[in-house]
Amino acid sequence: MTSLSVNINKIATLRNARGGNTPNLLEHANNIIRFGADGITVHPRPDERHITYNDVRDLKNISVELNIEGNPKEKSFIDLVLETRPDQVTLVPDEKGQLTSDHGWDTIKEKDFLTQTIDLFSNANIRTSLFVDADEKLIKAAQNTGAKRIELYTENYAKNYSKNPQKAIDPYLKAAKVAREVGLEMNAGHDLNLENLSFFTANIPDLKEVSIGHALISDALNYGMENTVNLYLRSLKI
């Protein structure tokens, strides 16, 4: 079954709005794990507007897979990953001050940089995943960087799902086929939710992991965190 990694950035955003330590990020991460999540994802940014670097240090010994997302063009990010040694690092080409991730890597143009960075993390026994659009040529090129996985950027799927689910997922089916052919494992994330998740994972059943944050934390306001985590886990089983 596809693993559920819960992105807890939004819990940190709420805490940072008032300062102090309420809500307690580590406590909520451990609760989410206790409720059945397979992993925790964090995406620290240079301005530390939600997840801070110290948050990542506090989370490094959690009992499930830790996935750290970020832009490796920031030396401080590379240093943090090498210090905390997560199970997985997901490389995302965010710009400074960017509100949220909105595009994947140009794995052709950035091949040399990505290869060097992935070598650095591989030597530290950290699995690397590349955030990519559902573009067949860029997925083929991702294989040449030494990455073990890609994370399919799913905003376009989510945006178009309600209009025509099959049309929305078609580019991802083609992308997944290419990934299999070149030997890349697959994750997925961005705007996946209770409405569109089951259809996506049913059509791409060999996904290793989905990373879900904003929708899941928002749903928890209505349904409670334990119930929400289990609703998402059930969606992955359908």
Protein backbone atom coordinates (compact mmCIF):
# COMPACT_ATOMS: atom_id res chain seq x y z
CA MET A 1 0.00 0.00 0.00
CA THR A 2 1.10 3.57 -0.63
CA SER A 3 2.55 5.17 2.49
CA LEU A 4 1.05 8.34 3.97
CA SER A 5 3.56 11.00 5.01
CA VAL A 6 1.91 13.94 6.77
CA ASN A 7 3.39 17.36 6.13
CA ILE A 8 3.19 19.29 9.42
CA ASN A 9 4.23 22.73 8.15
CA LYS A 10 0.78 24.17 8.83
CA ILE A 11 0.95 23.19 12.50
CA ALA A 12 4.17 25.18 12.74
CA THR A 13 2.49 28.10 10.94
CA LEU A 14 -0.21 28.20 13.61
CA ARG A 15 2.36 28.07 16.40
CA ASN A 16 4.46 30.82 14.85
CA ALA A 17 1.45 33.12 14.57
CA ARG A 18 1.57 33.68 18.34
CA GLY A 19 5.10 32.68 19.27
CA GLY A 20 5.77 30.26 22.09
CA ASN A 21 5.21 26.54 21.68
CA THR A 22 1.47 26.14 21.22
CA PRO A 23 0.60 23.97 19.41
CA ASN A 24 3.58 21.78 20.30
CA LEU A 25 4.94 20.51 17.00
CA LEU A 26 6.74 17.43 18.31
CA GLU A 27 3.72 16.38 20.36
CA HIS A 28 1.45 16.64 17.32
CA ALA A 29 3.94 14.78 15.13
CA ASN A 30 4.00 11.92 17.61
CA ASN A 31 0.19 11.92 17.79
CA ILE A 32 -0.04 11.74 14.00
CA ILE A 33 2.36 8.78 14.08
CA ARG A 34 0.29 7.14 16.83
CA PHE A 35 -2.84 7.60 14.69
CA GLY A 36 -1.23 5.53 11.93
CA ALA A 37 0.76 7.80 9.59
CA ASP A 38 3.74 6.14 7.95
CA GLY A 39 5.93 9.23 7.87
CA ILE A 40 6.35 12.90 8.69
CA THR A 41 7.30 15.52 6.09
CA VAL A 42 8.69 18.97 6.79
CA HIS A 43 9.69 21.71 4.38
CA PRO A 44 11.90 24.26 6.14
CA ARG A 45 12.46 27.46 4.19
CA PRO A 46 15.25 29.99 4.70
CA ASP A 47 12.93 32.52 6.38
CA GLU A 48 11.68 29.79 8.80
CA ARG A 49 8.14 31.11 8.45
CA HIS A 50 6.73 27.74 9.49
CA ILE A 51 9.10 24.83 10.12
CA THR A 52 12.32 26.04 11.74
CA TYR A 53 15.68 24.38 11.50
CA ASN A 54 15.46 23.56 15.21
CA ASP A 55 12.12 21.84 14.56
CA VAL A 56 13.90 19.52 12.14
CA ARG A 57 16.53 18.75 14.77
CA ASP A 58 13.76 17.94 17.28
CA LEU A 59 12.12 15.57 14.80
CA LYS A 60 15.20 13.65 13.70
CA ASN A 61 14.57 10.73 16.08
CA ILE A 62 10.88 10.14 15.36
CA SER A 63 9.82 6.50 15.02
CA VAL A 64 8.71 6.66 11.36
CA GLU A 65 10.27 7.89 8.15
CA LEU A 66 11.31 11.54 8.17
CA ASN A 67 11.19 13.33 4.82
CA ILE A 68 12.80 16.76 4.57
CA GLU A 69 11.88 18.88 1.55
CA GLY A 70 13.75 21.92 0.35
CA ASN A 71 15.97 23.67 -2.14
CA PRO A 72 19.56 22.39 -2.07
CA LYS A 73 20.81 25.62 -3.61
CA GLU A 74 20.64 26.94 -0.04
CA LYS A 75 23.83 25.75 1.69
CA SER A 76 22.08 25.96 5.06
CA PHE A 77 19.55 23.39 3.81
CA ILE A 78 22.29 20.97 2.75
CA ASP A 79 24.02 21.41 6.10
CA LEU A 80 20.76 20.73 7.95
CA VAL A 81 20.06 17.54 6.00
CA LEU A 82 23.57 16.21 6.56
CA GLU A 83 23.30 17.04 10.26
CA THR A 84 19.93 15.40 10.86
CA ARG A 85 20.26 12.47 8.43
CA PRO A 86 16.58 11.94 7.48
CA ASP A 87 15.40 8.79 5.74
CA GLN A 88 14.60 10.82 2.65
CA VAL A 89 15.36 14.26 1.28
CA THR A 90 13.07 15.64 -1.42
CA LEU A 91 14.75 18.29 -3.55
CA VAL A 92 12.37 21.10 -4.56
CA PRO A 93 13.33 24.08 -6.75
CA ASP A 94 11.64 26.75 -4.64
CA GLU A 95 12.51 30.38 -5.08
CA LYS A 96 13.17 32.58 -2.05
CA GLY A 97 9.91 33.88 -0.59
CA GLN A 98 7.80 31.53 -2.70
CA LEU A 99 4.41 30.92 -1.09
CA THR A 100 4.31 27.23 -1.97
CA SER A 101 5.97 24.84 -4.41
CA ASP A 102 4.65 25.41 -7.92
CA HIS A 103 6.98 23.61 -10.34
CA GLY A 104 9.40 20.74 -10.59
CA TRP A 105 13.05 20.56 -11.59
CA ASP A 106 14.36 21.03 -15.09
CA THR A 107 16.34 17.81 -14.79
CA ILE A 108 18.04 18.41 -18.14
CA LYS A 109 19.32 21.91 -17.46
CA GLU A 110 20.16 21.14 -13.82
CA LYS A 111 21.64 17.68 -14.38
CA ASP A 112 25.17 18.45 -13.19
CA PHE A 113 24.03 20.30 -10.07
CA LEU A 114 21.51 17.63 -9.15
CA THR A 115 23.98 14.81 -9.73
CA GLN A 116 26.55 16.42 -7.43
CA THR A 117 23.95 17.08 -4.75
CA ILE A 118 22.49 13.57 -4.90
CA ASP A 119 25.99 12.08 -4.67
CA LEU A 120 26.53 14.09 -1.50
CA PHE A 121 23.36 12.76 0.11
CA SER A 122 23.85 9.21 -1.17
CA ASN A 123 27.27 9.09 0.47
CA ALA A 124 25.47 9.91 3.73
CA ASN A 125 22.98 7.04 3.13
CA ILE A 126 20.08 9.45 2.58
CA ARG A 127 17.59 8.52 -0.15
CA THR A 128 16.92 11.37 -2.56
CA SER A 129 13.67 12.15 -4.37
CA LEU A 130 13.33 14.83 -7.07
CA PHE A 131 10.21 16.98 -7.29
CA VAL A 132 9.18 16.85 -10.97
CA ASP A 133 6.33 17.78 -13.26
CA ALA A 134 4.51 15.04 -15.17
CA ASP A 135 6.82 15.56 -18.14
CA GLU A 136 8.14 12.40 -19.75
CA LYS A 137 11.44 13.84 -20.99
CA LEU A 138 12.23 15.40 -17.60
CA ILE A 139 11.48 12.11 -15.85
CA LYS A 140 13.80 10.26 -18.21
CA ALA A 141 16.48 12.84 -17.45
CA ALA A 142 15.90 12.46 -13.70
CA GLN A 143 17.20 8.92 -13.92
CA ASN A 144 20.56 10.28 -15.12
CA THR A 145 21.08 12.27 -11.90
CA GLY A 146 21.35 9.23 -9.63
CA ALA A 147 18.05 9.89 -7.84
CA LYS A 148 16.27 6.84 -6.46
CA ARG A 149 12.81 8.42 -6.57
CA ILE A 150 10.80 11.22 -8.06
CA GLU A 151 7.88 13.02 -6.50
CA LEU A 152 5.18 13.78 -9.05
CA TYR A 153 3.91 17.35 -8.63
CA THR A 154 0.15 16.85 -8.61
CA GLU A 155 -1.34 20.36 -8.59
CA ASN A 156 -2.51 20.14 -12.22
CA TYR A 157 -4.17 16.80 -11.50
CA ALA A 158 -5.96 18.22 -8.45
CA LYS A 159 -7.02 21.38 -10.28
CA ASN A 160 -8.61 19.45 -13.14
CA TYR A 161 -9.91 16.40 -11.29
CA SER A 162 -13.45 17.69 -10.76
CA LYS A 163 -13.83 18.53 -14.48
CA ASN A 164 -12.66 15.22 -15.91
CA PRO A 165 -10.80 12.76 -13.68
CA GLN A 166 -9.50 10.60 -16.52
CA LYS A 167 -8.21 13.54 -18.51
CA ALA A 168 -6.63 14.98 -15.37
CA ILE A 169 -4.70 11.81 -14.61
CA ASP A 170 -3.61 10.91 -18.15
CA PRO A 171 -0.31 12.86 -18.06
CA TYR A 172 0.53 11.16 -14.76
CA LEU A 173 -0.17 7.71 -16.17
CA LYS A 174 2.29 8.44 -18.98
CA ALA A 175 4.80 9.87 -16.52
CA ALA A 176 4.49 6.83 -14.25
CA LYS A 177 5.03 4.49 -17.20
CA VAL A 178 8.28 6.27 -18.07
CA ALA A 179 9.42 6.21 -14.44
CA ARG A 180 8.89 2.45 -14.28
CA GLU A 181 10.77 1.94 -17.54
CA VAL A 182 13.84 3.82 -16.28
CA GLY A 183 13.73 2.28 -12.80
CA LEU A 184 12.64 5.26 -10.72
CA GLU A 185 10.38 4.77 -7.70
CA MET A 186 7.55 7.26 -7.33
CA ASN A 187 6.11 9.52 -4.66
CA ALA A 188 3.42 12.15 -5.23
CA GLY A 189 2.25 15.32 -3.59
CA HIS A 190 0.63 18.76 -3.76
CA ASP A 191 -3.11 19.43 -3.42
CA LEU A 192 -4.04 15.77 -2.99
CA ASN A 193 -7.10 15.48 -0.74
CA LEU A 194 -9.96 13.23 0.29
CA GLU A 195 -11.82 13.94 -2.94
CA ASN A 196 -9.07 13.08 -5.44
CA LEU A 197 -6.62 10.82 -3.60
CA SER A 198 -8.26 7.42 -4.10
CA PHE A 199 -8.59 7.82 -7.86
CA PHE A 200 -4.95 8.82 -8.18
CA THR A 201 -3.53 5.96 -6.16
CA ALA A 202 -5.91 3.42 -7.70
CA ASN A 203 -4.59 4.34 -11.15
CA ILE A 204 -0.95 4.50 -10.06
CA PRO A 205 -0.91 1.65 -7.54
CA ASP A 206 2.88 1.37 -7.29
CA LEU A 207 3.30 4.79 -5.68
CA LYS A 208 5.63 4.47 -2.72
CA GLU A 209 4.38 7.50 -0.82
CA VAL A 210 2.07 10.49 -0.88
CA SER A 211 2.96 13.61 1.08
CA ILE A 212 -0.11 15.57 2.20
CA GLY A 213 -0.18 18.62 4.42
CA HIS A 214 -2.49 21.55 3.76
CA ALA A 215 -5.62 19.54 2.96
CA LEU A 216 -5.10 17.05 5.77
CA ILE A 217 -4.45 19.67 8.45
CA SER A 218 -7.46 21.65 7.20
CA ASP A 219 -9.68 18.56 7.33
CA ALA A 220 -8.51 17.94 10.90
CA LEU A 221 -10.22 21.19 11.94
CA ASN A 222 -13.53 19.58 10.98
CA TYR A 223 -12.98 15.91 11.75
CA GLY A 224 -10.25 15.84 14.39
CA MET A 225 -6.70 14.71 13.71
CA GLU A 226 -7.08 11.02 14.53
CA ASN A 227 -10.18 10.61 12.39
CA THR A 228 -8.62 12.60 9.55
CA VAL A 229 -5.42 10.56 9.44
CA ASN A 230 -7.52 7.41 9.28
CA LEU A 231 -9.73 8.84 6.52
CA TYR A 232 -6.64 9.43 4.41
CA LEU A 233 -5.25 5.99 5.19
CA ARG A 234 -8.55 4.47 4.11
CA SER A 235 -8.46 6.45 0.88
CA LEU A 236 -5.10 4.86 0.11
CA LYS A 237 -6.57 1.37 0.58
CA ILE A 238 -9.49 1.79 -1.83
